[in-house]
């Protein structure tokens, strides 16, 4: 997969107020970006996990604090069941 490196500047004071772990800020921002895209229905749950570098279980754990609505309907369940049947 081809990747794109994105850089931007944020005042340290603003980051300090977020409570984010500055030692792992790149990971945290990447995960938050993935959740944001998922929340706004720009990407699927599996794509959000891929972008955020996390499993679905980690996504759900992180979502306990973020409280993003999970978009999962009958068609998604049917698709997942079909994929599992092929395994």
PDB file of N, CA and C in Angstrom:
ATOM      1  N   UNK A   1       0.845  -1.179   0.000  1.00  0.00           N
ATOM      2  CA  UNK A   1       0.000   0.000   0.000  1.00  0.00           C
ATOM      3  C   UNK A   1       0.887   1.238   0.000  1.00  0.00           C
ATOM      4  N   UNK A   2       0.564   2.161  -0.844  1.00  0.00           N
ATOM      5  CA  UNK A   2       1.274   3.427  -0.919  1.00  0.00           C
ATOM      6  C   UNK A   2       0.808   4.324   0.225  1.00  0.00           C
ATOM      7  N   UNK A   3       1.731   5.075   0.795  1.00  0.00           N
ATOM      8  CA  UNK A   3       1.369   5.951   1.912  1.00  0.00           C
ATOM      9  C   UNK A   3       1.717   7.398   1.591  1.00  0.00           C
ATOM     10  N   UNK A   4       1.143   8.291   2.347  1.00  0.00           N
ATOM     11  CA  UNK A   4       1.393   9.719   2.229  1.00  0.00           C
ATOM     12  C   UNK A   4       1.780  10.230   3.601  1.00  0.00           C
ATOM     13  N   UNK A   5       2.881  10.927   3.695  1.00  0.00           N
ATOM     14  CA  UNK A   5       3.329  11.497   4.953  1.00  0.00           C
ATOM     15  C   UNK A   5       2.759  12.906   5.078  1.00  0.00           C
ATOM     16  N   UNK A   6       2.001  13.147   6.140  1.00  0.00           N
ATOM     17  CA  UNK A   6       1.380  14.454   6.364  1.00  0.00           C
ATOM     18  C   UNK A   6       1.998  15.080   7.607  1.00  0.00           C
ATOM     19  N   UNK A   7       2.445  16.310   7.480  1.00  0.00           N
ATOM     20  CA  UNK A   7       3.028  17.021   8.611  1.00  0.00           C
ATOM     21  C   UNK A   7       2.293  18.341   8.804  1.00  0.00           C
ATOM     22  N   UNK A   8       2.089  18.704  10.056  1.00  0.00           N
ATOM     23  CA  UNK A   8       1.519  20.007  10.369  1.00  0.00           C
ATOM     24  C   UNK A   8       1.964  20.398  11.765  1.00  0.00           C
ATOM     25  N   UNK A   9       1.867  21.664  12.036  1.00  0.00           N
ATOM     26  CA  UNK A   9       2.323  22.177  13.322  1.00  0.00           C
ATOM     27  C   UNK A   9       1.132  22.476  14.225  1.00  0.00           C
ATOM     28  N   UNK A  10       1.310  22.157  15.506  1.00  0.00           N
ATOM     29  CA  UNK A  10       0.300  22.414  16.523  1.00  0.00           C
ATOM     30  C   UNK A  10       1.023  23.007  17.727  1.00  0.00           C
ATOM     31  N   UNK A  11       0.508  24.088  18.296  1.00  0.00           N
ATOM     32  CA  UNK A  11       1.157  24.651  19.475  1.00  0.00           C
ATOM     33  C   UNK A  11       1.209  23.634  20.621  1.00  0.00           C
ATOM     34  N   UNK A  12       2.348  23.559  21.293  1.00  0.00           N
ATOM     35  CA  UNK A  12       2.503  22.621  22.410  1.00  0.00           C
ATOM     36  C   UNK A  12       1.446  22.836  23.492  1.00  0.00           C
ATOM     37  N   UNK A  13       1.100  24.081  23.742  1.00  0.00           N
ATOM     38  CA  UNK A  13       0.100  24.383  24.760  1.00  0.00           C
ATOM     39  C   UNK A  13      -1.236  23.731  24.400  1.00  0.00           C
ATOM     40  N   UNK A  14      -1.608  23.805  23.120  1.00  0.00           N
ATOM     41  CA  UNK A  14      -2.860  23.193  22.680  1.00  0.00           C
ATOM     42  C   UNK A  14      -2.808  21.682  22.869  1.00  0.00           C
ATOM     43  N   UNK A  15      -1.688  21.067  22.550  1.00  0.00           N
ATOM     44  CA  UNK A  15      -1.544  19.624  22.739  1.00  0.00           C
ATOM     45  C   UNK A  15      -1.568  19.257  24.211  1.00  0.00           C
ATOM     46  N   UNK A  16      -0.938  20.070  25.031  1.00  0.00           N
ATOM     47  CA  UNK A  16      -0.921  19.792  26.469  1.00  0.00           C
ATOM     48  C   UNK A  16      -2.342  19.797  27.033  1.00  0.00           C
ATOM     49  N   UNK A  17      -3.183  20.665  26.512  1.00  0.00           N
ATOM     50  CA  UNK A  17      -4.560  20.762  26.991  1.00  0.00           C
ATOM     51  C   UNK A  17      -5.417  19.575  26.562  1.00  0.00           C
ATOM     52  N   UNK A  18      -4.996  18.842  25.532  1.00  0.00           N
ATOM     53  CA  UNK A  18      -5.781  17.702  25.057  1.00  0.00           C
ATOM     54  C   UNK A  18      -5.602  16.473  25.930  1.00  0.00           C
ATOM     55  N   UNK A  19      -4.502  16.426  26.661  1.00  0.00           N
ATOM     56  CA  UNK A  19      -4.228  15.246  27.472  1.00  0.00           C
ATOM     57  C   UNK A  19      -3.643  14.099  26.672  1.00  0.00           C
ATOM     58  N   UNK A  20      -3.296  14.340  25.421  1.00  0.00           N
ATOM     59  CA  UNK A  20      -2.697  13.292  24.596  1.00  0.00           C
ATOM     60  C   UNK A  20      -1.282  12.973  25.076  1.00  0.00           C
ATOM     61  N   UNK A  21      -0.893  11.749  24.877  1.00  0.00           N
ATOM     62  CA  UNK A  21       0.448  11.284  25.231  1.00  0.00           C
ATOM     63  C   UNK A  21       1.432  11.806  24.186  1.00  0.00           C
ATOM     64  N   UNK A  22       2.234  12.791  24.543  1.00  0.00           N
ATOM     65  CA  UNK A  22       3.132  13.425  23.573  1.00  0.00           C
ATOM     66  C   UNK A  22       4.189  12.466  23.039  1.00  0.00           C
ATOM     67  N   UNK A  23       4.492  11.415  23.780  1.00  0.00           N
ATOM     68  CA  UNK A  23       5.478  10.434  23.308  1.00  0.00           C
ATOM     69  C   UNK A  23       4.916   9.583  22.178  1.00  0.00           C
ATOM     70  N   UNK A  24       3.596   9.458  22.129  1.00  0.00           N
ATOM     71  CA  UNK A  24       2.944   8.649  21.097  1.00  0.00           C
ATOM     72  C   UNK A  24       1.956   9.491  20.281  1.00  0.00           C
ATOM     73  N   UNK A  25       2.276  10.753  20.115  1.00  0.00           N
ATOM     74  CA  UNK A  25       1.344  11.678  19.486  1.00  0.00           C
ATOM     75  C   UNK A  25       1.012  11.292  18.047  1.00  0.00           C
ATOM     76  N   UNK A  26       1.981  10.804  17.291  1.00  0.00           N
ATOM     77  CA  UNK A  26       1.716  10.424  15.897  1.00  0.00           C
ATOM     78  C   UNK A  26       0.687   9.307  15.835  1.00  0.00           C
ATOM     79  N   UNK A  27       0.856   8.300  16.686  1.00  0.00           N
ATOM     80  CA  UNK A  27      -0.091   7.181  16.723  1.00  0.00           C
ATOM     81  C   UNK A  27      -1.480   7.675  17.129  1.00  0.00           C
ATOM     82  N   UNK A  28      -1.532   8.497  18.173  1.00  0.00           N
ATOM     83  CA  UNK A  28      -2.817   8.982  18.671  1.00  0.00           C
ATOM     84  C   UNK A  28      -3.550   9.829  17.637  1.00  0.00           C
ATOM     85  N   UNK A  29      -2.830  10.712  16.956  1.00  0.00           N
ATOM     86  CA  UNK A  29      -3.450  11.563  15.939  1.00  0.00           C
ATOM     87  C   UNK A  29      -3.929  10.713  14.768  1.00  0.00           C
ATOM     88  N   UNK A  30      -3.142   9.722  14.394  1.00  0.00           N
ATOM     89  CA  UNK A  30      -3.533   8.831  13.299  1.00  0.00           C
ATOM     90  C   UNK A  30      -4.819   8.075  13.661  1.00  0.00           C
ATOM     91  N   UNK A  31      -4.913   7.599  14.886  1.00  0.00           N
ATOM     92  CA  UNK A  31      -6.112   6.887  15.323  1.00  0.00           C
ATOM     93  C   UNK A  31      -7.321   7.824  15.382  1.00  0.00           C
ATOM     94  N   UNK A  32      -7.113   9.033  15.874  1.00  0.00           N
ATOM     95  CA  UNK A  32      -8.208   9.993  15.951  1.00  0.00           C
ATOM     96  C   UNK A  32      -8.693  10.391  14.559  1.00  0.00           C
ATOM     97  N   UNK A  33      -7.760  10.527  13.626  1.00  0.00           N
ATOM     98  CA  UNK A  33      -8.110  10.844  12.243  1.00  0.00           C
ATOM     99  C   UNK A  33      -8.940   9.713  11.637  1.00  0.00           C
ATOM    100  N   UNK A  34      -8.522   8.477  11.891  1.00  0.00           N
ATOM    101  CA  UNK A  34      -9.259   7.322  11.377  1.00  0.00           C
ATOM    102  C   UNK A  34     -10.670   7.279  11.952  1.00  0.00           C
ATOM    103  N   UNK A  35     -10.806   7.532  13.241  1.00  0.00           N
ATOM    104  CA  UNK A  35     -12.122   7.544  13.879  1.00  0.00           C
ATOM    105  C   UNK A  35     -12.979   8.682  13.325  1.00  0.00           C
ATOM    106  N   UNK A  36     -12.373   9.829  13.106  1.00  0.00           N
ATOM    107  CA  UNK A  36     -13.097  10.966  12.529  1.00  0.00           C
ATOM    108  C   UNK A  36     -13.652  10.612  11.152  1.00  0.00           C
ATOM    109  N   UNK A  37     -12.818  10.016  10.302  1.00  0.00           N
ATOM    110  CA  UNK A  37     -13.275   9.637   8.962  1.00  0.00           C
ATOM    111  C   UNK A  37     -14.391   8.602   9.027  1.00  0.00           C
ATOM    112  N   UNK A  38     -14.260   7.652   9.955  1.00  0.00           N
ATOM    113  CA  UNK A  38     -15.299   6.643  10.133  1.00  0.00           C
ATOM    114  C   UNK A  38     -16.601   7.291  10.613  1.00  0.00           C
ATOM    115  N   UNK A  39     -16.493   8.154  11.591  1.00  0.00           N
ATOM    116  CA  UNK A  39     -17.675   8.814  12.158  1.00  0.00           C
ATOM    117  C   UNK A  39     -18.448   9.587  11.093  1.00  0.00           C
ATOM    118  N   UNK A  40     -17.721  10.178  10.152  1.00  0.00           N
ATOM    119  CA  UNK A  40     -18.350  10.973   9.097  1.00  0.00           C
ATOM    120  C   UNK A  40     -18.644  10.147   7.843  1.00  0.00           C
ATOM    121  N   UNK A  41     -18.608   8.820   8.008  1.00  0.00           N
ATOM    122  CA  UNK A  41     -18.975   7.856   6.959  1.00  0.00           C
ATOM    123  C   UNK A  41     -18.151   8.008   5.686  1.00  0.00           C
ATOM    124  N   UNK A  42     -16.873   8.358   5.852  1.00  0.00           N
ATOM    125  CA  UNK A  42     -15.965   8.471   4.714  1.00  0.00           C
ATOM    126  C   UNK A  42     -15.248   7.149   4.448  1.00  0.00           C
ATOM    127  N   UNK A  43     -15.111   6.319   5.501  1.00  0.00           N
ATOM    128  CA  UNK A  43     -14.439   5.035   5.377  1.00  0.00           C
ATOM    129  C   UNK A  43     -15.169   3.993   6.218  1.00  0.00           C
ATOM    130  N   UNK A  44     -14.876   2.730   5.936  1.00  0.00           N
ATOM    131  CA  UNK A  44     -15.480   1.629   6.681  1.00  0.00           C
ATOM    132  C   UNK A  44     -14.750   1.419   8.010  1.00  0.00           C
ATOM    133  N   UNK A  45     -15.345   0.600   8.852  1.00  0.00           N
ATOM    134  CA  UNK A  45     -14.711   0.252  10.128  1.00  0.00           C
ATOM    135  C   UNK A  45     -13.376  -0.432   9.893  1.00  0.00           C
ATOM    136  N   UNK A  46     -13.330  -1.371   8.959  1.00  0.00           N
ATOM    137  CA  UNK A  46     -12.064  -2.075   8.714  1.00  0.00           C
ATOM    138  C   UNK A  46     -10.996  -1.123   8.175  1.00  0.00           C
ATOM    139  N   UNK A  47     -11.383  -0.165   7.341  1.00  0.00           N
ATOM    140  CA  UNK A  47     -10.429   0.819   6.822  1.00  0.00           C
ATOM    141  C   UNK A  47      -9.961   1.746   7.934  1.00  0.00           C
ATOM    142  N   UNK A  48     -10.866   2.112   8.847  1.00  0.00           N
ATOM    143  CA  UNK A  48     -10.484   2.951   9.988  1.00  0.00           C
ATOM    144  C   UNK A  48      -9.442   2.228  10.834  1.00  0.00           C
ATOM    145  N   UNK A  49      -9.652   0.947  11.041  1.00  0.00           N
ATOM    146  CA  UNK A  49      -8.691   0.165  11.827  1.00  0.00           C
ATOM    147  C   UNK A  49      -7.352   0.083  11.116  1.00  0.00           C
ATOM    148  N   UNK A  50      -7.399  -0.085   9.806  1.00  0.00           N
ATOM    149  CA  UNK A  50      -6.156  -0.150   9.024  1.00  0.00           C
ATOM    150  C   UNK A  50      -5.396   1.170   9.099  1.00  0.00           C
ATOM    151  N   UNK A  51      -6.084   2.278   8.875  1.00  0.00           N
ATOM    152  CA  UNK A  51      -5.443   3.596   8.925  1.00  0.00           C
ATOM    153  C   UNK A  51      -4.915   3.886  10.324  1.00  0.00           C
ATOM    154  N   UNK A  52      -5.699   3.548  11.341  1.00  0.00           N
ATOM    155  CA  UNK A  52      -5.311   3.816  12.721  1.00  0.00           C
ATOM    156  C   UNK A  52      -4.310   2.825  13.295  1.00  0.00           C
ATOM    157  N   UNK A  53      -4.017   1.760  12.534  1.00  0.00           N
ATOM    158  CA  UNK A  53      -3.057   0.769  13.013  1.00  0.00           C
ATOM    159  C   UNK A  53      -3.551   0.043  14.255  1.00  0.00           C
ATOM    160  N   UNK A  54      -4.861  -0.293  14.268  1.00  0.00           N
ATOM    161  CA  UNK A  54      -5.444  -0.948  15.439  1.00  0.00           C
ATOM    162  C   UNK A  54      -6.393  -2.054  14.996  1.00  0.00           C
ATOM    163  N   UNK A  55      -6.644  -2.969  15.895  1.00  0.00           N
ATOM    164  CA  UNK A  55      -7.619  -4.016  15.629  1.00  0.00           C
ATOM    165  C   UNK A  55      -9.018  -3.453  15.873  1.00  0.00           C
ATOM    166  N   UNK A  56     -10.031  -4.207  15.472  1.00  0.00           N
ATOM    167  CA  UNK A  56     -11.390  -3.756  15.742  1.00  0.00           C
ATOM    168  C   UNK A  56     -11.639  -3.700  17.241  1.00  0.00           C
ATOM    169  N   UNK A  57     -11.077  -4.652  17.987  1.00  0.00           N
ATOM    170  CA  UNK A  57     -11.250  -4.629  19.447  1.00  0.00           C
ATOM    171  C   UNK A  57     -10.624  -3.376  20.036  1.00  0.00           C
ATOM    172  N   UNK A  58      -9.441  -2.984  19.537  1.00  0.00           N
ATOM    173  CA  UNK A  58      -8.802  -1.754  20.018  1.00  0.00           C
ATOM    174  C   UNK A  58      -9.639  -0.527  19.641  1.00  0.00           C
ATOM    175  N   UNK A  59     -10.236  -0.564  18.437  1.00  0.00           N
ATOM    176  CA  UNK A  59     -11.122   0.520  18.018  1.00  0.00           C
ATOM    177  C   UNK A  59     -12.287   0.652  18.994  1.00  0.00           C
ATOM    178  N   UNK A  60     -12.914  -0.478  19.326  1.00  0.00           N
ATOM    179  CA  UNK A  60     -14.053  -0.450  20.242  1.00  0.00           C
ATOM    180  C   UNK A  60     -13.639   0.033  21.633  1.00  0.00           C
ATOM    181  N   UNK A  61     -12.471  -0.367  22.097  1.00  0.00           N
ATOM    182  CA  UNK A  61     -11.972   0.086  23.399  1.00  0.00           C
ATOM    183  C   UNK A  61     -11.738   1.598  23.385  1.00  0.00           C
ATOM    184  N   UNK A  62     -11.100   2.092  22.328  1.00  0.00           N
ATOM    185  CA  UNK A  62     -10.846   3.526  22.211  1.00  0.00           C
ATOM    186  C   UNK A  62     -12.168   4.283  22.106  1.00  0.00           C
ATOM    187  N   UNK A  63     -13.127   3.665  21.454  1.00  0.00           N
ATOM    188  CA  UNK A  63     -14.413   4.314  21.244  1.00  0.00           C
ATOM    189  C   UNK A  63     -15.225   4.450  22.529  1.00  0.00           C
ATOM    190  N   UNK A  64     -14.848   3.736  23.577  1.00  0.00           N
ATOM    191  CA  UNK A  64     -15.549   3.889  24.853  1.00  0.00           C
ATOM    192  C   UNK A  64     -15.438   5.320  25.367  1.00  0.00           C
ATOM    193  N   UNK A  65     -14.324   5.976  25.081  1.00  0.00           N
ATOM    194  CA  UNK A  65     -14.156   7.361  25.513  1.00  0.00           C
ATOM    195  C   UNK A  65     -14.603   8.351  24.443  1.00  0.00           C
ATOM    196  N   UNK A  66     -14.415   8.006  23.180  1.00  0.00           N
ATOM    197  CA  UNK A  66     -14.765   8.916  22.085  1.00  0.00           C
ATOM    198  C   UNK A  66     -16.266   8.875  21.782  1.00  0.00           C
ATOM    199  N   UNK A  67     -16.855   7.690  21.930  1.00  0.00           N
ATOM    200  CA  UNK A  67     -18.300   7.475  21.732  1.00  0.00           C
ATOM    201  C   UNK A  67     -18.783   7.819  20.326  1.00  0.00           C
ATOM    202  N   UNK A  68     -18.038   7.352  19.332  1.00  0.00           N
ATOM    203  CA  UNK A  68     -18.449   7.489  17.944  1.00  0.00           C
ATOM    204  C   UNK A  68     -19.520   6.446  17.642  1.00  0.00           C
ATOM    205  N   UNK A  69     -20.614   6.816  16.984  1.00  0.00           N
ATOM    206  CA  UNK A  69     -21.629   5.821  16.633  1.00  0.00           C
ATOM    207  C   UNK A  69     -21.029   4.758  15.701  1.00  0.00           C
ATOM    208  N   UNK A  70     -21.360   3.507  15.970  1.00  0.00           N
ATOM    209  CA  UNK A  70     -20.885   2.411  15.127  1.00  0.00           C
ATOM    210  C   UNK A  70     -21.919   2.194  14.022  1.00  0.00           C
ATOM    211  N   UNK A  71     -21.464   2.300  12.778  1.00  0.00           N
ATOM    212  CA  UNK A  71     -22.337   2.109  11.623  1.00  0.00           C
ATOM    213  C   UNK A  71     -22.242   0.647  11.205  1.00  0.00           C
ATOM    214  N   UNK A  72     -23.209  -0.122  11.572  1.00  0.00           N
ATOM    215  CA  UNK A  72     -23.208  -1.552  11.251  1.00  0.00           C
ATOM    216  C   UNK A  72     -24.657  -1.980  11.094  1.00  0.00           C
ATOM    217  N   UNK A  73     -25.011  -2.394   9.884  1.00  0.00           N
ATOM    218  CA  UNK A  73     -26.402  -2.752   9.624  1.00  0.00           C
ATOM    219  C   UNK A  73     -26.513  -4.215   9.181  1.00  0.00           C
ATOM    220  N   UNK A  74     -27.693  -4.605   8.805  1.00  0.00           N
ATOM    221  CA  UNK A  74     -27.930  -6.003   8.405  1.00  0.00           C
ATOM    222  C   UNK A  74     -27.091  -6.405   7.201  1.00  0.00           C
ATOM    223  N   UNK A  75     -26.918  -5.488   6.264  1.00  0.00           N
ATOM    224  CA  UNK A  75     -26.108  -5.796   5.079  1.00  0.00           C
ATOM    225  C   UNK A  75     -24.653  -6.047   5.473  1.00  0.00           C
ATOM    226  N   UNK A  76     -24.164  -5.265   6.428  1.00  0.00           N
ATOM    227  CA  UNK A  76     -22.798  -5.475   6.915  1.00  0.00           C
ATOM    228  C   UNK A  76     -22.675  -6.845   7.574  1.00  0.00           C
ATOM    229  N   UNK A  77     -23.660  -7.200   8.387  1.00  0.00           N
ATOM    230  CA  UNK A  77     -23.657  -8.498   9.046  1.00  0.00           C
ATOM    231  C   UNK A  77     -23.699  -9.620   8.023  1.00  0.00           C
ATOM    232  N   UNK A  78     -24.558  -9.486   7.028  1.00  0.00           N
ATOM    233  CA  UNK A  78     -24.660 -10.507   5.976  1.00  0.00           C
ATOM    234  C   UNK A  78     -23.328 -10.663   5.254  1.00  0.00           C
ATOM    235  N   UNK A  79     -22.701  -9.554   4.918  1.00  0.00           N
ATOM    236  CA  UNK A  79     -21.401  -9.595   4.240  1.00  0.00           C
ATOM    237  C   UNK A  79     -20.346 -10.270   5.115  1.00  0.00           C
ATOM    238  N   UNK A  80     -20.321  -9.926   6.396  1.00  0.00           N
ATOM    239  CA  UNK A  80     -19.358 -10.542   7.306  1.00  0.00           C
ATOM    240  C   UNK A  80     -19.605 -12.043   7.434  1.00  0.00           C
ATOM    241  N   UNK A  81     -20.866 -12.435   7.508  1.00  0.00           N
ATOM    242  CA  UNK A  81     -21.205 -13.856   7.630  1.00  0.00           C
ATOM    243  C   UNK A  81     -20.777 -14.621   6.377  1.00  0.00           C
ATOM    244  N   UNK A  82     -20.968 -14.026   5.218  1.00  0.00           N
ATOM    245  CA  UNK A  82     -20.540 -14.658   3.960  1.00  0.00           C
ATOM    246  C   UNK A  82     -19.026 -14.816   3.910  1.00  0.00           C
ATOM    247  N   UNK A  83     -18.315 -13.793   4.367  1.00  0.00           N
ATOM    248  CA  UNK A  83     -16.842 -13.879   4.405  1.00  0.00           C
ATOM    249  C   UNK A  83     -16.388 -14.977   5.345  1.00  0.00           C
ATOM    250  N   UNK A  84     -17.048 -15.090   6.495  1.00  0.00           N
ATOM    251  CA  UNK A  84     -16.689 -16.135   7.455  1.00  0.00           C
ATOM    252  C   UNK A  84     -16.993 -17.524   6.919  1.00  0.00           C
ATOM    253  N   UNK A  85     -18.052 -17.655   6.140  1.00  0.00           N
ATOM    254  CA  UNK A  85     -18.415 -18.937   5.553  1.00  0.00           C
ATOM    255  C   UNK A  85     -17.366 -19.405   4.551  1.00  0.00           C
ATOM    256  N   UNK A  86     -16.659 -18.446   3.916  1.00  0.00           N
ATOM    257  CA  UNK A  86     -15.621 -18.765   2.926  1.00  0.00           C
ATOM    258  C   UNK A  86     -14.305 -19.188   3.569  1.00  0.00           C
ATOM    259  N   UNK A  87     -14.162 -18.956   4.856  1.00  0.00           N
ATOM    260  CA  UNK A  87     -12.885 -19.258   5.534  1.00  0.00           C
ATOM    261  C   UNK A  87     -12.783 -20.720   5.856  1.00  0.00           C
TER     262      UNK A  87
END
